[in-house]
Amino acid sequence: MCDMNSFETSSASLSRFEPHVHEITGSTQIAERCEDPHNHRFAAVSGEAIPYMGSHVHEIKFRTDTYDGHEHEFCGTTSPAIPVGDGRHVHFAKAVTTSEDGHSHLFRVASLIDNPIEKNCCRCEE
């Protein structure tokens, strides 16, 4: 079971990285296709950057919406940063939720871009 109340990230381990988080939204894949086909939606904000092999990852934790009296959880880490241009990046995660009501759900999700409206990205004159 996930501890949905806290992220455990040492501030000392972040000293060489710009602190930042990512928004994560998505839907699980459909489970119980023959019995009771359904999926779930989720939204979360990642934990701060955690150094990893010359890049960084983020811890993600979420609880899905409820369907027919049950919900699922996930706790894990993202992929390392994936550059998308202009010094920005996203992260990817592919995993499975906790098992509830006799089933679990697969999901694949990409985070939203970190700090999408940072001042130095704008082409405005000051």
C-alpha atoms as a PDB file:
ATOM      1  CA  MET A   1       0.000   0.000   0.000  1.00  0.00           C
ATOM      2  CA  CYS A   2       1.275   3.479  -0.850  1.00  0.00           C
ATOM      3  CA  ASP A   3       1.905   6.158   1.749  1.00  0.00           C
ATOM      4  CA  MET A   4      -0.110   8.837  -0.012  1.00  0.00           C
ATOM      5  CA  ASN A   5       0.780  11.562   2.497  1.00  0.00           C
ATOM      6  CA  SER A   6       4.422  12.355   1.852  1.00  0.00           C
ATOM      7  CA  PHE A   7       7.333  12.324  -0.524  1.00  0.00           C
ATOM      8  CA  GLU A   8      10.658  11.417   1.025  1.00  0.00           C
ATOM      9  CA  THR A   9      13.243  13.444  -0.856  1.00  0.00           C
ATOM     10  CA  SER A  10      16.433  14.629   0.764  1.00  0.00           C
ATOM     11  CA  SER A  11      17.065  18.305   0.035  1.00  0.00           C
ATOM     12  CA  ALA A  12      20.818  17.560   0.124  1.00  0.00           C
ATOM     13  CA  SER A  13      20.444  15.194  -2.836  1.00  0.00           C
ATOM     14  CA  LEU A  14      18.901  18.011  -4.905  1.00  0.00           C
ATOM     15  CA  SER A  15      21.726  20.520  -4.481  1.00  0.00           C
ATOM     16  CA  ARG A  16      22.936  20.288  -8.104  1.00  0.00           C
ATOM     17  CA  PHE A  17      19.445  20.351  -9.649  1.00  0.00           C
ATOM     18  CA  GLU A  18      16.974  23.173 -10.046  1.00  0.00           C
ATOM     19  CA  PRO A  19      14.069  22.187  -7.793  1.00  0.00           C
ATOM     20  CA  HIS A  20      10.958  21.527  -9.826  1.00  0.00           C
ATOM     21  CA  VAL A  21       7.915  19.273 -10.071  1.00  0.00           C
ATOM     22  CA  HIS A  22       5.670  18.104 -12.900  1.00  0.00           C
ATOM     23  CA  GLU A  23       1.919  17.774 -13.292  1.00  0.00           C
ATOM     24  CA  ILE A  24       0.767  14.301 -14.278  1.00  0.00           C
ATOM     25  CA  THR A  25      -2.692  13.503 -15.623  1.00  0.00           C
ATOM     26  CA  GLY A  26      -3.954  10.407 -17.355  1.00  0.00           C
ATOM     27  CA  SER A  27      -6.261   7.448 -17.606  1.00  0.00           C
ATOM     28  CA  THR A  28      -5.619   3.796 -16.936  1.00  0.00           C
ATOM     29  CA  GLN A  29      -6.166   1.147 -19.561  1.00  0.00           C
ATOM     30  CA  ILE A  30      -9.462  -0.743 -19.506  1.00  0.00           C
ATOM     31  CA  ALA A  31      -9.631  -3.736 -17.155  1.00  0.00           C
ATOM     32  CA  GLU A  32     -12.223  -6.511 -16.828  1.00  0.00           C
ATOM     33  CA  ARG A  33     -13.064  -6.274 -20.532  1.00  0.00           C
ATOM     34  CA  CYS A  34     -15.555  -9.169 -20.426  1.00  0.00           C
ATOM     35  CA  GLU A  35     -17.027  -8.806 -16.927  1.00  0.00           C
ATOM     36  CA  ASP A  36     -17.221  -5.076 -16.177  1.00  0.00           C
ATOM     37  CA  PRO A  37     -15.107  -3.016 -18.605  1.00  0.00           C
ATOM     38  CA  HIS A  38     -13.890   0.236 -17.069  1.00  0.00           C
ATOM     39  CA  ASN A  39     -10.909   2.496 -16.545  1.00  0.00           C
ATOM     40  CA  HIS A  40      -9.944   5.203 -14.079  1.00  0.00           C
ATOM     41  CA  ARG A  41      -8.560   8.735 -14.285  1.00  0.00           C
ATOM     42  CA  PHE A  42      -5.835  10.282 -12.176  1.00  0.00           C
ATOM     43  CA  ALA A  43      -4.080  13.605 -11.601  1.00  0.00           C
ATOM     44  CA  ALA A  44      -1.052  14.333  -9.436  1.00  0.00           C
ATOM     45  CA  VAL A  45       1.966  16.540  -8.916  1.00  0.00           C
ATOM     46  CA  SER A  46       5.308  14.732  -8.781  1.00  0.00           C
ATOM     47  CA  GLY A  47       7.858  15.009  -6.018  1.00  0.00           C
ATOM     48  CA  GLU A  48      10.976  17.143  -6.495  1.00  0.00           C
ATOM     49  CA  ALA A  49      13.797  16.066  -8.825  1.00  0.00           C
ATOM     50  CA  ILE A  50      15.943  13.151  -7.616  1.00  0.00           C
ATOM     51  CA  PRO A  51      19.427  12.855  -9.215  1.00  0.00           C
ATOM     52  CA  TYR A  52      19.758   9.708 -11.348  1.00  0.00           C
ATOM     53  CA  MET A  53      22.590   8.687 -13.700  1.00  0.00           C
ATOM     54  CA  GLY A  54      23.437  12.191 -14.916  1.00  0.00           C
ATOM     55  CA  SER A  55      19.770  13.127 -15.224  1.00  0.00           C
ATOM     56  CA  HIS A  56      16.960  12.998 -12.700  1.00  0.00           C
ATOM     57  CA  VAL A  57      13.678  11.231 -11.964  1.00  0.00           C
ATOM     58  CA  HIS A  58      10.613  12.111  -9.896  1.00  0.00           C
ATOM     59  CA  GLU A  59       8.606  10.077  -7.440  1.00  0.00           C
ATOM     60  CA  ILE A  60       4.925   9.923  -8.343  1.00  0.00           C
ATOM     61  CA  LYS A  61       2.039   8.860  -6.172  1.00  0.00           C
ATOM     62  CA  PHE A  62      -1.621   8.985  -7.049  1.00  0.00           C
ATOM     63  CA  ARG A  63      -5.015   7.585  -6.244  1.00  0.00           C
ATOM     64  CA  THR A  64      -7.440   7.118  -9.138  1.00  0.00           C
ATOM     65  CA  ASP A  65     -11.036   8.252  -9.266  1.00  0.00           C
ATOM     66  CA  THR A  66     -13.665   5.840  -7.943  1.00  0.00           C
ATOM     67  CA  TYR A  67     -15.642   3.436 -10.119  1.00  0.00           C
ATOM     68  CA  ASP A  68     -18.280   1.051  -8.746  1.00  0.00           C
ATOM     69  CA  GLY A  69     -17.021   1.505  -5.187  1.00  0.00           C
ATOM     70  CA  HIS A  70     -13.289   1.030  -5.735  1.00  0.00           C
ATOM     71  CA  GLU A  71     -10.163   3.015  -6.582  1.00  0.00           C
ATOM     72  CA  HIS A  72      -6.514   2.182  -7.194  1.00  0.00           C
ATOM     73  CA  GLU A  73      -3.156   3.648  -6.123  1.00  0.00           C
ATOM     74  CA  PHE A  74       0.282   3.876  -7.626  1.00  0.00           C
ATOM     75  CA  CYS A  75       3.667   4.745  -6.112  1.00  0.00           C
ATOM     76  CA  GLY A  76       6.819   4.719  -8.209  1.00  0.00           C
ATOM     77  CA  THR A  77       9.284   6.777 -10.199  1.00  0.00           C
ATOM     78  CA  THR A  78       9.311   8.347 -13.628  1.00  0.00           C
ATOM     79  CA  SER A  79      11.828   7.817 -16.389  1.00  0.00           C
ATOM     80  CA  PRO A  80      14.836  10.133 -16.547  1.00  0.00           C
ATOM     81  CA  ALA A  81      14.212  13.507 -18.226  1.00  0.00           C
ATOM     82  CA  ILE A  82      13.242  13.451 -21.916  1.00  0.00           C
ATOM     83  CA  PRO A  83      14.274  16.712 -23.660  1.00  0.00           C
ATOM     84  CA  VAL A  84      11.541  18.394 -25.720  1.00  0.00           C
ATOM     85  CA  GLY A  85      13.427  21.529 -26.852  1.00  0.00           C
ATOM     86  CA  ASP A  86      14.055  25.023 -25.490  1.00  0.00           C
ATOM     87  CA  GLY A  87      15.685  23.541 -22.384  1.00  0.00           C
ATOM     88  CA  ARG A  88      12.418  21.909 -21.351  1.00  0.00           C
ATOM     89  CA  HIS A  89      11.744  18.242 -20.597  1.00  0.00           C
ATOM     90  CA  VAL A  90       9.069  15.704 -19.680  1.00  0.00           C
ATOM     91  CA  HIS A  91       9.113  12.297 -17.991  1.00  0.00           C
ATOM     92  CA  PHE A  92       7.435   8.993 -18.861  1.00  0.00           C
ATOM     93  CA  ALA A  93       5.966   6.275 -16.670  1.00  0.00           C
ATOM     94  CA  LYS A  94       4.577   2.861 -17.614  1.00  0.00           C
ATOM     95  CA  ALA A  95       3.377   0.686 -14.746  1.00  0.00           C
ATOM     96  CA  VAL A  96       0.441  -1.010 -13.043  1.00  0.00           C
ATOM     97  CA  THR A  97      -1.806   0.185 -10.230  1.00  0.00           C
ATOM     98  CA  THR A  98      -2.537  -1.624  -6.987  1.00  0.00           C
ATOM     99  CA  SER A  99      -5.013  -4.495  -7.188  1.00  0.00           C
ATOM    100  CA  GLU A 100      -8.498  -3.657  -5.915  1.00  0.00           C
ATOM    101  CA  ASP A 101     -11.824  -5.394  -6.491  1.00  0.00           C
ATOM    102  CA  GLY A 102      -9.939  -8.359  -7.989  1.00  0.00           C
ATOM    103  CA  HIS A 103      -8.047  -6.477 -10.707  1.00  0.00           C
ATOM    104  CA  SER A 104      -5.401  -3.857 -11.470  1.00  0.00           C
ATOM    105  CA  HIS A 105      -4.888  -1.459 -14.377  1.00  0.00           C
ATOM    106  CA  LEU A 106      -1.938  -0.760 -16.652  1.00  0.00           C
ATOM    107  CA  PHE A 107      -1.159   2.851 -17.522  1.00  0.00           C
ATOM    108  CA  ARG A 108       1.264   4.865 -19.628  1.00  0.00           C
ATOM    109  CA  VAL A 109       1.676   8.559 -19.019  1.00  0.00           C
ATOM    110  CA  ALA A 110       3.953  11.457 -19.885  1.00  0.00           C
ATOM    111  CA  SER A 111       4.298  14.341 -17.451  1.00  0.00           C
ATOM    112  CA  LEU A 112       3.498  17.870 -18.478  1.00  0.00           C
ATOM    113  CA  ILE A 113       6.429  20.190 -19.256  1.00  0.00           C
ATOM    114  CA  ASP A 114       8.174  21.657 -16.238  1.00  0.00           C
ATOM    115  CA  ASN A 115       7.643  25.415 -15.756  1.00  0.00           C
ATOM    116  CA  PRO A 116       5.902  26.051 -19.115  1.00  0.00           C
ATOM    117  CA  ILE A 117       5.747  29.848 -18.749  1.00  0.00           C
ATOM    118  CA  GLU A 118       9.228  30.567 -17.419  1.00  0.00           C
ATOM    119  CA  LYS A 119      10.166  34.207 -18.087  1.00  0.00           C
ATOM    120  CA  ASN A 120      13.238  33.496 -20.250  1.00  0.00           C
ATOM    121  CA  CYS A 121      11.157  31.448 -22.678  1.00  0.00           C
ATOM    122  CA  CYS A 122       8.979  34.389 -23.699  1.00  0.00           C
ATOM    123  CA  ARG A 123       9.850  36.537 -26.665  1.00  0.00           C
ATOM    124  CA  CYS A 124       8.374  39.678 -25.123  1.00  0.00           C
ATOM    125  CA  GLU A 125      10.223  42.953 -24.846  1.00  0.00           C
ATOM    126  CA  GLU A 126      10.499  44.368 -21.372  1.00  0.00           C
END
